[in-house]
Amino acid sequence: MVLEKLKYLAQSHQRTLEEEITSILEDVTENTPIITPENRGWFPGFFEEVIGGWEGEPLVREHQAEAQERDFLL
């Protein structure tokens, strides 16, 4: 179904199927901003600096209690 729609659009725009798909993708990506940590408010290099950066004593996960039984609601 999608392929038929693409073929129809290509024919109506007098393009090959490849040209039509390229045009659609260019339109979509042209208006889509590239999301980076910096434009989300993190300072440049933050993640590179902190990932794997723990230098203290090894972290230990304490034993967890068994999951609590709950009443079935439905």
Protein backbone atom coordinates (compact mmCIF):
# COMPACT_ATOMS: atom_id res chain seq x y z
CA MET A 1 0.00 0.00 0.00
CA VAL A 2 2.79 2.45 0.87
CA LEU A 3 4.70 1.53 -2.26
CA GLU A 4 1.64 2.23 -4.41
CA LYS A 5 1.24 5.66 -2.79
CA LEU A 6 4.90 6.44 -3.38
CA LYS A 7 4.64 5.36 -7.02
CA TYR A 8 1.55 7.54 -7.46
CA LEU A 9 3.29 10.56 -5.91
CA ALA A 10 6.38 10.01 -8.06
CA GLN A 11 4.28 9.82 -11.20
CA SER A 12 2.26 12.93 -10.31
CA HIS A 13 5.48 14.89 -9.62
CA GLN A 14 7.10 13.44 -12.76
CA ARG A 15 9.95 11.88 -10.80
CA THR A 16 11.43 8.46 -10.46
CA LEU A 17 10.56 6.50 -7.33
CA GLU A 18 14.08 7.11 -6.01
CA GLU A 19 13.79 10.86 -6.63
CA GLU A 20 10.41 10.97 -4.87
CA ILE A 21 11.69 9.14 -1.80
CA THR A 22 14.78 11.38 -1.71
CA SER A 23 12.59 14.48 -1.91
CA ILE A 24 10.35 13.28 0.93
CA LEU A 25 13.32 12.45 3.15
CA GLU A 26 15.02 15.78 2.42
CA ASP A 27 11.83 17.67 3.35
CA VAL A 28 11.49 15.77 6.62
CA THR A 29 15.13 16.02 7.67
CA GLU A 30 15.40 19.68 6.67
CA ASN A 31 12.83 20.66 9.29
CA THR A 32 13.99 18.24 12.00
CA PRO A 33 16.49 19.74 14.44
CA ILE A 34 19.47 17.66 15.47
CA ILE A 35 19.18 17.06 19.20
CA THR A 36 22.44 17.23 21.08
CA PRO A 37 23.21 17.26 24.80
CA GLU A 38 24.35 20.87 24.42
CA ASN A 39 21.04 22.12 23.03
CA ARG A 40 19.30 20.26 25.85
CA GLY A 41 21.20 22.31 28.42
CA TRP A 42 24.22 20.09 29.23
CA PHE A 43 27.63 21.69 28.98
CA PRO A 44 29.87 20.44 26.14
CA GLY A 45 31.75 17.26 27.05
CA PHE A 46 29.66 16.58 30.18
CA PHE A 47 28.85 12.96 29.38
CA GLU A 48 32.32 12.16 28.11
CA GLU A 49 33.69 13.53 31.38
CA VAL A 50 31.38 11.72 33.81
CA ILE A 51 30.59 8.37 32.18
CA GLY A 52 32.70 5.71 33.82
CA GLY A 53 34.18 8.33 36.10
CA TRP A 54 33.38 6.82 39.53
CA GLU A 55 36.67 6.50 41.38
CA GLY A 56 35.45 5.77 44.91
CA GLU A 57 34.91 2.44 46.63
CA PRO A 58 32.97 -0.16 44.62
CA LEU A 59 29.22 0.27 44.67
CA VAL A 60 27.29 -2.60 46.26
CA ARG A 61 23.63 -3.32 45.67
CA GLU A 62 22.01 -4.46 48.89
CA HIS A 63 19.74 -7.52 48.95
CA GLN A 64 16.16 -6.68 48.07
CA ALA A 65 13.15 -8.13 49.87
CA GLU A 66 10.76 -10.38 47.98
CA ALA A 67 8.13 -8.60 45.92
CA GLN A 68 4.94 -7.87 47.82
CA GLU A 69 1.84 -9.86 46.77
CA ARG A 70 -0.94 -7.58 45.59
CA ASP A 71 -4.64 -8.14 45.08
CA PHE A 72 -5.74 -8.59 41.50
CA LEU A 73 -7.80 -5.52 40.55
CA LEU A 74 -9.67 -6.66 37.45
